[in-house]
Amino acid sequence: MILARMFSLLLLLVVSACIHREKEPLRVGTLLWPGSEPIFLARDLGYVDDSSIRLVEYTTLGRATREFRNGMLDAVFATLDIALQLQHQGLEPRVVLVIDHSLGADAIVARPGVVRGVEDLRGKRVAVEDLVVSMYVLGRALEQAGLKPSDIQLVRTPVDQQVRAYTSGDVDAVVTYEPFLQRLRDAGAQEIFDSSQIPGEIVDVLVVHEAVLEKNPAQVEHLVQGWLQGRRYLEEHPAEAVAHMSPRLGTSPSELTSMLKKLRLLTLEENLVLLRGPSSPLLASAQQLQRFMLKEGLLQKPMQPEQMLDARIIEALQEGR
């Protein structure tokens, strides 16, 4: 009888532990970027359940990516090149949502009077974060101006240190993105190139570990749905949404409104097109990005980006409408 009771108690503890594990929130890496802000808006409006989704904030994408790679995060808002790198490193990343196309929110700024255009960067000191997307923006700008990376002096500078590097005179130009772009403008820097000149090439996505997607599809669906709900609220109530989001980014509502005009936040319907099939425009963007990464030695061998694109969550949301 005693043994039976002990067995029953042990079974109860095991079941309780299993239930607790099942309720552990999805750990989602984020950083300061206007395109990912709809998920914070959704959380604050109650569209996202805190017990299901835990948003973890980082100052740099590099650190967020490392923690995703090391298993400290289940999902991360990142750039498409990051997904390719994760695949190259032997992980099984799944792109379950395309959040935006950058149409001016990534840029190169420079010191007025010293650098008037990209062609003037020859021999100049250029601050760039140690990320492929920043190197890609710089590489495409130099290519259009007939220059090579070897024509400039690269200064590796984390994004949260770029304003200081510029104001102290350590660099002549900076490759950056919003909201840091606005801070550099406020410091007097002028844009000489931005992502609107390479439309469709800078893409931001939500990446999830394949094992997490298989084990916890409902939580991943809740996360994706939350971002889409936040996006819809921003579209339908722009003034209220921008006023709510701007403090977290350290900007004014008018500045954030200007930033958002430089992004195309993608709908559920657009995601269906981008994440499905071999003719996906996103696949074409990934292949172009991969060619650049191979050329610059940022990838050692070609990847299979079509294996990363996973439309199942978006399709489930579409069917549930």
Protein backbone atom coordinates (compact mmCIF):
# COMPACT_ATOMS: atom_id res chain seq x y z
CA MET A 1 0.00 0.00 0.00
CA ILE A 2 2.84 2.34 0.91
CA LEU A 3 4.66 1.48 -2.30
CA ALA A 4 1.50 2.17 -4.31
CA ARG A 5 1.12 5.56 -2.68
CA MET A 6 4.79 6.40 -3.31
CA PHE A 7 4.39 5.36 -6.95
CA SER A 8 1.27 7.53 -7.28
CA LEU A 9 3.08 10.51 -5.76
CA LEU A 10 6.07 10.00 -8.08
CA LEU A 11 3.76 9.76 -11.09
CA LEU A 12 2.02 12.99 -10.02
CA LEU A 13 5.37 14.77 -9.76
CA VAL A 14 6.43 13.54 -13.20
CA VAL A 15 3.13 14.65 -14.76
CA SER A 16 3.38 18.04 -13.04
CA ALA A 17 6.93 18.47 -14.32
CA CYS A 18 5.81 17.63 -17.86
CA ILE A 19 2.97 20.14 -17.66
CA HIS A 20 5.39 22.78 -16.40
CA ARG A 21 7.77 22.12 -19.30
CA GLU A 22 4.95 22.35 -21.77
CA LYS A 23 4.07 25.79 -20.41
CA GLU A 24 7.59 27.18 -20.73
CA PRO A 25 7.45 30.27 -22.93
CA LEU A 26 9.08 30.48 -26.32
CA ARG A 27 12.28 32.54 -25.94
CA VAL A 28 12.40 35.05 -28.80
CA GLY A 29 15.40 37.26 -29.52
CA THR A 30 14.74 40.85 -30.62
CA LEU A 31 16.73 44.03 -31.13
CA LEU A 32 16.06 47.71 -31.75
CA TRP A 33 14.57 47.68 -35.24
CA PRO A 34 11.28 49.26 -36.37
CA GLY A 35 10.28 46.14 -38.31
CA SER A 36 10.13 43.93 -35.23
CA GLU A 37 8.27 46.49 -33.10
CA PRO A 38 4.79 45.11 -33.99
CA ILE A 39 5.50 42.12 -31.73
CA PHE A 40 6.07 44.45 -28.74
CA LEU A 41 2.94 46.36 -29.67
CA ALA A 42 1.02 43.06 -29.80
CA ARG A 43 2.36 42.08 -26.38
CA ASP A 44 1.39 45.40 -24.83
CA LEU A 45 -2.09 45.25 -26.38
CA GLY A 46 -2.66 41.75 -25.01
CA TYR A 47 -2.53 39.93 -28.35
CA VAL A 48 0.48 37.92 -27.15
CA ASP A 49 0.34 35.81 -23.99
CA ASP A 50 3.37 36.44 -21.75
CA SER A 51 3.18 32.87 -20.47
CA SER A 52 3.61 31.59 -24.03
CA ILE A 53 6.07 34.09 -25.53
CA ARG A 54 9.05 35.73 -23.80
CA LEU A 55 10.64 38.57 -25.75
CA VAL A 56 14.37 38.87 -25.02
CA GLU A 57 15.91 42.21 -26.03
CA TYR A 58 19.47 42.60 -27.35
CA THR A 59 21.52 45.63 -28.33
CA THR A 60 23.19 43.86 -31.26
CA LEU A 61 22.05 41.22 -33.73
CA GLY A 62 25.39 39.45 -33.39
CA ARG A 63 24.76 38.60 -29.74
CA ALA A 64 21.17 37.53 -30.40
CA THR A 65 22.37 35.25 -33.18
CA ARG A 66 25.03 33.67 -30.98
CA GLU A 67 22.47 32.88 -28.29
CA PHE A 68 20.12 31.39 -30.89
CA ARG A 69 22.97 29.27 -32.23
CA ASN A 70 23.87 28.12 -28.72
CA GLY A 71 20.29 27.09 -27.93
CA MET A 72 19.54 29.95 -25.52
CA LEU A 73 16.79 31.22 -27.84
CA ASP A 74 14.04 29.33 -29.64
CA ALA A 75 13.46 32.02 -32.27
CA VAL A 76 15.05 35.28 -33.37
CA PHE A 77 14.13 38.27 -35.50
CA ALA A 78 17.05 38.50 -37.92
CA THR A 79 18.16 39.23 -41.46
CA LEU A 80 18.04 36.69 -44.27
CA ASP A 81 21.85 36.43 -44.39
CA ILE A 82 21.81 35.32 -40.73
CA ALA A 83 19.51 32.44 -41.66
CA LEU A 84 21.97 31.38 -44.39
CA GLN A 85 24.86 31.52 -41.95
CA LEU A 86 22.97 29.44 -39.40
CA GLN A 87 22.28 26.82 -42.07
CA HIS A 88 25.97 26.89 -43.03
CA GLN A 89 26.89 26.26 -39.38
CA GLY A 90 24.93 23.00 -39.40
CA LEU A 91 21.75 24.18 -37.72
CA GLU A 92 18.29 23.69 -39.17
CA PRO A 93 16.80 27.20 -39.18
CA ARG A 94 13.26 27.68 -40.46
CA VAL A 95 12.05 31.00 -41.81
CA VAL A 96 8.39 31.09 -40.74
CA LEU A 97 7.65 34.78 -41.34
CA VAL A 98 9.05 37.52 -43.57
CA ILE A 99 8.59 40.70 -41.57
CA ASP A 100 9.82 43.41 -43.91
CA HIS A 101 11.79 44.68 -46.89
CA SER A 102 14.12 47.57 -46.11
CA LEU A 103 13.54 50.45 -48.52
CA GLY A 104 15.81 53.07 -47.00
CA ALA A 105 16.00 51.98 -43.35
CA ASP A 106 19.58 50.68 -43.94
CA ALA A 107 22.02 53.31 -45.13
CA ILE A 108 25.52 54.71 -45.36
CA VAL A 109 26.02 58.15 -43.83
CA ALA A 110 29.09 60.34 -44.00
CA ARG A 111 30.65 63.56 -42.77
CA PRO A 112 29.47 66.54 -44.84
CA GLY A 113 32.25 68.29 -46.73
CA VAL A 114 34.51 65.24 -46.41
CA VAL A 115 32.42 62.66 -48.29
CA ARG A 116 29.82 63.86 -50.79
CA GLY A 117 29.05 60.49 -52.37
CA VAL A 118 30.04 56.83 -52.29
CA GLU A 119 32.80 57.51 -54.85
CA ASP A 120 34.49 59.73 -52.24
CA LEU A 121 34.91 56.84 -49.79
CA ARG A 122 38.23 55.81 -51.35
CA GLY A 123 40.83 55.81 -48.58
CA LYS A 124 38.27 56.86 -45.96
CA ARG A 125 37.55 55.22 -42.57
CA VAL A 126 34.16 53.50 -42.68
CA ALA A 127 32.51 52.09 -39.55
CA VAL A 128 30.63 48.87 -40.16
CA GLU A 129 29.11 46.33 -37.80
CA ASP A 130 30.45 42.79 -38.06
CA LEU A 131 27.32 41.55 -39.83
CA VAL A 132 26.83 40.27 -43.35
CA VAL A 133 23.89 42.58 -44.02
CA SER A 134 26.01 45.67 -43.29
CA MET A 135 28.84 44.36 -45.45
CA TYR A 136 26.29 43.61 -48.18
CA VAL A 137 24.91 47.18 -48.14
CA LEU A 138 28.46 48.54 -48.25
CA GLY A 139 29.50 46.09 -50.96
CA ARG A 140 26.54 46.94 -53.20
CA ALA A 141 27.18 50.67 -52.74
CA LEU A 142 30.87 50.31 -53.59
CA GLU A 143 30.04 48.13 -56.58
CA GLN A 144 27.71 50.77 -58.01
CA ALA A 145 30.41 53.41 -57.52
CA GLY A 146 33.12 51.30 -59.16
CA LEU A 147 35.03 50.73 -55.90
CA LYS A 148 36.16 47.62 -53.98
CA PRO A 149 36.26 46.95 -50.20
CA SER A 150 40.06 47.18 -50.42
CA ASP A 151 39.68 50.82 -51.52
CA ILE A 152 38.43 51.88 -48.06
CA GLN A 153 39.55 51.48 -44.45
CA LEU A 154 37.06 49.25 -42.64
CA VAL A 155 36.59 49.99 -38.93
CA ARG A 156 34.63 47.21 -37.20
CA THR A 157 32.21 49.02 -34.89
CA PRO A 158 29.18 47.60 -33.02
CA VAL A 159 26.01 49.47 -33.93
CA ASP A 160 25.53 50.86 -30.43
CA GLN A 161 29.00 52.46 -30.60
CA GLN A 162 28.69 54.02 -34.04
CA VAL A 163 27.41 57.43 -32.96
CA ARG A 164 30.34 57.82 -30.57
CA ALA A 165 32.80 56.74 -33.29
CA TYR A 166 31.35 59.33 -35.66
CA THR A 167 31.12 62.25 -33.22
CA SER A 168 34.64 61.63 -31.90
CA GLY A 169 36.03 61.83 -35.45
CA ASP A 170 37.30 58.23 -35.46
CA VAL A 171 35.49 57.48 -38.73
CA ASP A 172 34.43 59.39 -41.84
CA ALA A 173 31.36 57.29 -42.71
CA VAL A 174 29.08 54.71 -41.10
CA VAL A 175 27.05 51.78 -42.42
CA THR A 176 24.01 51.60 -40.16
CA TYR A 177 20.24 51.15 -39.81
CA GLU A 178 17.29 52.63 -37.97
CA PRO A 179 16.94 53.85 -35.25
CA PHE A 180 20.73 54.44 -35.12
CA LEU A 181 20.53 56.03 -38.56
CA GLN A 182 18.34 58.79 -37.13
CA ARG A 183 20.78 59.35 -34.27
CA LEU A 184 23.64 59.79 -36.73
CA ARG A 185 21.53 62.24 -38.74
CA ASP A 186 20.93 64.18 -35.54
CA ALA A 187 24.72 64.26 -35.09
CA GLY A 188 25.07 65.91 -38.51
CA ALA A 189 25.80 62.93 -40.76
CA GLN A 190 24.33 62.91 -44.28
CA GLU A 191 23.12 59.90 -46.25
CA ILE A 192 25.07 58.95 -49.35
CA PHE A 193 23.42 55.55 -50.02
CA ASP A 194 20.42 53.61 -48.74
CA SER A 195 18.60 50.33 -49.29
CA SER A 196 15.94 51.94 -51.51
CA GLN A 197 18.65 51.80 -54.20
CA ILE A 198 18.71 47.99 -53.95
CA PRO A 199 14.98 47.23 -53.49
CA GLY A 200 14.02 43.77 -52.28
CA GLU A 201 17.59 42.83 -51.35
CA ILE A 202 17.55 43.59 -47.60
CA VAL A 203 15.00 41.28 -45.99
CA ASP A 204 14.16 40.72 -42.33
CA VAL A 205 12.69 37.44 -41.16
CA LEU A 206 11.64 35.44 -38.13
CA VAL A 207 13.84 32.35 -37.72
CA VAL A 208 12.91 29.36 -35.56
CA HIS A 209 14.83 26.20 -34.70
CA GLU A 210 13.36 23.33 -36.72
CA ALA A 211 13.06 21.18 -33.58
CA VAL A 212 11.12 23.95 -31.81
CA LEU A 213 8.75 24.28 -34.76
CA GLU A 214 8.08 20.55 -34.74
CA LYS A 215 7.63 20.34 -30.97
CA ASN A 216 5.74 23.59 -30.33
CA PRO A 217 3.89 24.61 -33.51
CA ALA A 218 1.05 26.23 -31.53
CA GLN A 219 3.45 28.57 -29.74
CA VAL A 220 5.19 29.48 -32.99
CA GLU A 221 1.79 30.14 -34.57
CA HIS A 222 0.89 32.36 -31.59
CA LEU A 223 4.13 34.34 -32.11
CA VAL A 224 3.58 34.80 -35.86
CA GLN A 225 -0.06 35.71 -35.35
CA GLY A 226 0.96 38.24 -32.70
CA TRP A 227 3.32 40.05 -35.07
CA LEU A 228 0.64 40.11 -37.78
CA GLN A 229 -1.93 41.47 -35.32
CA GLY A 230 0.50 44.17 -34.24
CA ARG A 231 1.14 45.05 -37.86
CA ARG A 232 -2.61 45.28 -38.54
CA TYR A 233 -3.13 47.53 -35.51
CA LEU A 234 -0.32 49.80 -36.76
CA GLU A 235 -1.97 49.97 -40.18
CA GLU A 236 -5.44 50.73 -38.78
CA HIS A 237 -4.42 53.00 -35.86
CA PRO A 238 -1.09 54.54 -36.93
CA ALA A 239 -1.05 57.53 -34.57
CA GLU A 240 -1.85 55.47 -31.47
CA ALA A 241 0.55 52.69 -32.45
CA VAL A 242 3.47 54.99 -33.22
CA ALA A 243 2.96 56.94 -29.99
CA HIS A 244 3.05 53.63 -28.12
CA MET A 245 6.12 52.22 -29.89
CA SER A 246 8.42 55.24 -30.14
CA PRO A 247 9.60 55.39 -26.48
CA ARG A 248 11.09 51.89 -26.64
CA LEU A 249 13.12 52.86 -29.71
CA GLY A 250 14.18 56.15 -28.15
CA THR A 251 12.60 58.22 -30.93
CA SER A 252 9.76 60.70 -31.29
CA PRO A 253 6.49 59.57 -32.90
CA SER A 254 7.25 61.70 -35.97
CA GLU A 255 10.72 60.17 -36.33
CA LEU A 256 9.30 56.65 -36.04
CA THR A 257 6.65 57.49 -38.64
CA SER A 258 9.45 58.51 -41.01
CA MET A 259 11.37 55.30 -40.27
CA LEU A 260 8.35 53.11 -40.97
CA LYS A 261 7.94 54.75 -44.38
CA LYS A 262 11.32 53.21 -45.24
CA LEU A 263 10.06 49.70 -44.53
CA ARG A 264 7.52 47.49 -46.23
CA LEU A 265 5.90 45.47 -43.46
CA LEU A 266 4.57 42.34 -45.13
CA THR A 267 1.07 40.91 -44.87
CA LEU A 268 -0.03 37.31 -44.37
CA GLU A 269 -0.95 37.10 -48.06
CA GLU A 270 2.47 38.37 -49.13
CA ASN A 271 4.10 35.82 -46.83
CA LEU A 272 2.19 33.02 -48.54
CA VAL A 273 3.77 34.04 -51.83
CA LEU A 274 7.25 34.50 -50.37
CA LEU A 275 7.45 31.27 -48.38
CA ARG A 276 5.95 28.89 -50.93
CA GLY A 277 7.56 27.03 -53.79
CA PRO A 278 10.66 27.21 -55.97
CA SER A 279 9.51 30.40 -57.73
CA SER A 280 9.41 32.39 -54.47
CA PRO A 281 10.85 35.92 -54.79
CA LEU A 282 12.40 35.38 -51.36
CA LEU A 283 14.33 32.42 -52.71
CA ALA A 284 15.70 34.61 -55.49
CA SER A 285 16.82 37.18 -52.88
CA ALA A 286 18.47 34.44 -50.81
CA GLN A 287 20.35 33.12 -53.83
CA GLN A 288 21.61 36.59 -54.75
CA LEU A 289 22.70 37.16 -51.17
CA GLN A 290 24.42 33.77 -51.14
CA ARG A 291 26.42 34.64 -54.27
CA PHE A 292 27.73 37.74 -52.53
CA MET A 293 28.57 35.81 -49.36
CA LEU A 294 30.45 33.14 -51.32
CA LYS A 295 32.37 35.78 -53.26
CA GLU A 296 33.39 37.57 -50.06
CA GLY A 297 34.28 34.35 -48.21
CA LEU A 298 31.36 34.71 -45.79
CA LEU A 299 30.14 31.23 -46.79
CA GLN A 300 32.47 28.37 -47.60
CA LYS A 301 30.01 26.40 -49.72
CA PRO A 302 26.59 26.94 -51.31
CA MET A 303 23.59 26.37 -49.07
CA GLN A 304 20.08 25.25 -49.96
CA PRO A 305 17.94 28.23 -48.92
CA GLU A 306 14.75 26.56 -50.19
CA GLN A 307 15.04 24.14 -47.26
CA MET A 308 14.76 27.03 -44.79
CA LEU A 309 11.48 28.44 -46.08
CA ASP A 310 8.54 27.00 -44.15
CA ALA A 311 5.02 28.17 -44.98
CA ARG A 312 3.15 25.81 -42.62
CA ILE A 313 2.43 28.37 -39.91
CA ILE A 314 1.28 31.01 -42.40
CA GLU A 315 -0.89 28.44 -44.17
CA ALA A 316 -2.47 27.41 -40.85
CA LEU A 317 -3.26 31.04 -40.07
CA GLN A 318 -4.75 31.53 -43.53
CA GLU A 319 -6.94 28.44 -43.15
CA GLY A 320 -8.08 29.57 -39.70
CA ARG A 321 -9.46 32.89 -40.95
